[in-house]
Protein backbone atom coordinates (compact mmCIF):
# COMPACT_ATOMS: atom_id res chain seq x y z
CA MET A 1 81.77 67.69 73.84
CA SER A 2 78.96 69.15 75.88
CA THR A 3 76.83 67.20 78.29
CA ARG A 4 73.92 65.71 76.39
CA LEU A 5 70.41 64.47 77.08
CA LEU A 6 69.30 62.01 74.41
CA PHE A 7 65.50 62.04 74.61
CA VAL A 8 64.18 58.84 73.00
CA TYR A 9 60.41 58.82 72.63
CA GLY A 10 57.62 56.91 70.98
CA PRO A 11 54.67 54.63 71.70
CA PRO A 12 54.71 51.63 74.02
CA ALA A 13 56.48 48.58 72.54
CA VAL A 14 58.35 50.58 69.88
CA GLY A 15 61.74 49.59 71.33
CA LYS A 16 62.72 52.66 73.35
CA LEU A 17 64.43 50.87 76.22
CA THR A 18 66.11 48.19 74.06
CA ILE A 19 67.56 50.81 71.72
CA ALA A 20 68.49 53.14 74.58
CA GLU A 21 70.38 50.27 76.27
CA ALA A 22 72.29 49.61 73.04
CA VAL A 23 73.20 53.31 72.70
CA ALA A 24 74.26 53.50 76.35
CA GLU A 25 76.53 50.47 75.97
CA ARG A 26 78.30 52.05 72.99
CA THR A 27 78.55 55.63 74.25
CA GLY A 28 78.91 55.59 78.03
CA PHE A 29 75.73 57.65 78.46
CA LYS A 30 73.82 56.87 81.65
CA LEU A 31 70.36 55.40 81.11
CA LEU A 32 67.29 56.77 82.86
CA HIS A 33 64.37 54.84 81.44
CA ASN A 34 60.82 56.07 81.87
CA HIS A 35 59.80 53.42 84.39
CA ALA A 36 62.73 54.06 86.75
CA VAL A 37 61.12 57.28 87.95
CA ILE A 38 57.58 55.92 87.76
CA ASP A 39 58.62 52.91 89.87
CA ALA A 40 60.09 55.26 92.49
CA VAL A 41 56.82 57.20 92.79
CA THR A 42 54.13 54.49 92.59
CA PRO A 43 54.70 53.08 96.12
CA LEU A 44 53.34 56.39 97.43
CA PHE A 45 51.08 57.56 94.60
CA GLU A 46 49.43 55.14 92.19
CA PHE A 47 49.84 55.92 88.50
CA GLY A 48 47.67 58.88 87.55
CA THR A 49 46.49 59.77 91.05
CA ASP A 50 46.68 63.26 92.52
CA GLY A 51 50.32 64.00 93.19
CA PHE A 52 51.72 61.28 90.90
CA PHE A 53 52.56 63.43 87.86
CA GLU A 54 53.74 66.32 90.04
CA LEU A 55 56.23 64.08 91.83
CA VAL A 56 57.41 62.33 88.64
CA GLY A 57 58.06 65.74 87.06
CA MET A 58 59.96 66.99 90.10
CA PHE A 59 62.15 63.87 90.18
CA ARG A 60 62.96 64.06 86.48
CA ASN A 61 63.76 67.77 86.61
CA ALA A 62 66.06 67.23 89.60
CA LEU A 63 67.81 64.32 87.88
CA TYR A 64 68.27 66.25 84.63
CA ALA A 65 69.50 69.40 86.37
CA THR A 66 72.05 67.51 88.44
CA ALA A 67 73.23 65.43 85.48
CA ALA A 68 73.75 68.55 83.35
CA ARG A 69 75.58 70.39 86.17
CA LYS A 70 77.83 67.41 86.87
CA GLY A 71 78.62 66.68 83.22
CA VAL A 72 76.73 63.37 83.05
CA SER A 73 75.27 62.62 79.61
CA VAL A 74 71.93 60.81 79.85
CA ILE A 75 69.63 58.78 77.63
CA THR A 76 66.04 58.95 78.73
CA THR A 77 63.00 57.16 77.33
CA TYR A 78 59.54 58.66 77.21
CA GLY A 79 56.06 57.89 75.87
CA TYR A 80 55.41 61.39 74.50
CA THR A 81 51.91 62.59 73.61
CA PRO A 82 50.83 66.19 72.92
CA ASP A 83 49.41 66.33 76.47
CA ASP A 84 53.04 66.15 77.69
CA GLU A 85 54.26 69.20 75.77
CA ALA A 86 54.58 71.55 78.77
CA GLN A 87 56.26 68.91 80.95
CA VAL A 88 58.77 67.94 78.25
CA LYS A 89 59.51 71.61 77.62
CA SER A 90 60.27 71.92 81.35
CA TYR A 91 62.72 68.99 81.19
CA VAL A 92 64.45 70.45 78.14
CA GLU A 93 64.71 73.92 79.67
CA THR A 94 66.09 72.44 82.90
CA PHE A 95 68.81 70.51 81.09
CA ARG A 96 69.73 73.46 78.85
CA GLU A 97 69.75 75.97 81.76
CA HIS A 98 72.47 73.87 83.36
CA GLY A 99 74.65 73.84 80.25
CA GLY A 100 73.43 70.68 78.54
CA GLU A 101 72.41 69.95 74.98
CA VAL A 102 69.20 68.03 74.24
CA LEU A 103 68.90 65.67 71.27
CA PHE A 104 65.60 64.10 70.21
CA VAL A 105 64.93 60.67 68.69
CA GLN A 106 61.39 59.70 67.74
CA LEU A 107 60.92 55.96 67.31
CA VAL A 108 58.06 54.82 65.08
CA ALA A 109 56.61 51.45 64.07
CA ARG A 110 53.44 50.11 62.56
CA ARG A 111 50.60 49.35 64.97
CA GLU A 112 50.80 45.66 64.03
CA THR A 113 54.44 45.58 65.10
CA LEU A 114 53.64 47.22 68.43
CA MET A 115 50.89 44.68 69.06
CA GLN A 116 53.33 41.81 68.41
CA ARG A 117 56.06 43.24 70.63
CA VAL A 118 53.91 44.20 73.62
CA ALA A 119 53.84 40.66 75.00
CA LEU A 120 57.62 40.07 74.84
CA ALA A 121 59.05 38.65 78.05
CA ASP A 122 61.50 41.49 78.76
CA ARG A 123 58.60 43.94 79.09
CA HIS A 124 57.30 41.99 82.12
CA GLU A 125 60.49 42.51 84.12
CA HIS A 126 60.18 46.30 83.85
CA GLY A 127 56.52 46.47 84.84
CA LYS A 128 55.49 47.68 81.40
CA LEU A 129 52.24 47.27 79.52
CA VAL A 130 52.15 43.64 78.29
CA GLU A 131 48.61 42.93 77.09
CA PRO A 132 47.65 43.58 73.45
CA ASP A 133 44.14 44.66 74.48
CA SER A 134 45.56 47.17 76.96
CA LEU A 135 47.98 48.49 74.33
CA ALA A 136 45.14 48.90 71.84
CA GLU A 137 43.21 50.90 74.44
CA VAL A 138 46.23 53.13 75.17
CA LEU A 139 46.94 53.70 71.46
CA ASN A 140 43.30 54.60 70.86
CA GLN A 141 43.24 57.01 73.81
CA TRP A 142 46.55 58.87 73.27
CA ASP A 143 48.38 60.10 70.19
CA PHE A 144 51.98 58.86 70.36
CA CYS A 145 52.62 59.72 66.70
CA GLN A 146 53.27 63.44 67.15
CA ALA A 147 56.81 64.79 67.26
CA VAL A 148 57.90 67.00 70.15
CA PRO A 149 57.10 70.50 68.83
CA ASP A 150 59.78 73.13 68.20
CA GLU A 151 62.56 70.52 68.37
CA ALA A 152 64.22 68.66 65.50
CA SER A 153 63.85 64.90 65.99
CA LEU A 154 65.72 62.12 64.26
CA VAL A 155 62.96 59.71 63.22
CA VAL A 156 63.92 56.03 63.37
CA ASP A 157 61.57 53.38 61.99
CA THR A 158 61.98 50.34 64.22
CA ASP A 159 60.01 48.18 61.78
CA ALA A 160 62.92 48.43 59.39
CA LEU A 161 65.88 48.13 61.80
CA SER A 162 67.10 45.89 64.61
CA ALA A 163 67.84 47.55 67.95
CA ASP A 164 71.58 47.46 67.17
CA GLN A 165 71.05 49.01 63.74
CA ALA A 166 68.84 51.72 65.23
CA ALA A 167 71.44 52.44 67.93
CA ASP A 168 74.17 52.69 65.28
CA GLN A 169 72.03 55.11 63.25
CA ILE A 170 71.45 57.33 66.30
CA ILE A 171 75.13 57.30 67.29
CA ARG A 172 76.24 58.18 63.74
CA HIS A 173 73.61 60.89 63.30
CA PHE A 174 74.51 62.74 66.50
CA GLY A 175 78.23 61.87 66.59
CA LEU A 176 77.94 60.15 69.97
CA ASN A 177 81.07 58.02 69.82
CA HIS A 178 83.04 57.78 73.07
C-alpha cells in the first residue's frame, strides 16, 4: 500500500477532528489536525496577519513532503473554501511528488447542526471557534460547501452518522484497514 494523505475537510463544527481521530485509531495513520500548524505559527504571527498564511503553508508543505518521503500516512483536517484552492493544490502536489496518494473526504452537515455543535466542550481545548454568533459570521463570510475541484471526494453527511460510523464508512470506502 502506498503512503496516503487523507484530506478531511468541511466547515467548522462538522466533526473533522473527531472523525479523523477515530480513523487514526483504527488505521495507524498519523493525525495532523488543522490547528496543530496554526497553533505553531500564531505565537509569532496572529491569525490572518502578514506572514501568517505564508508560514502555515510552508509548514504544511514541509510536513507533507517529509511524511510522503518517509512512508508516513497522514490524516489532515482542513476548513476548505474556494479561496484555498491554490494552497490545497500545492499540498496535494507536494505529497504526490514524493510518492504519496491523496484521498479526499468532504464532511457536510446542516447549518443547524453546526450551530449546536460549535459550543461543545472539546472544541475549547483545541482553541477552536466556540461561539454560535462567531460561527454564523464565518459561515456567512466563507463558502465551506464547495468540494475541492478536480479531485474526487467521498461525501459524508455527519448529520446522519456518528463519528464512529463516519470513520467506518471512510475506512471501508478507501480500504484503509491496517
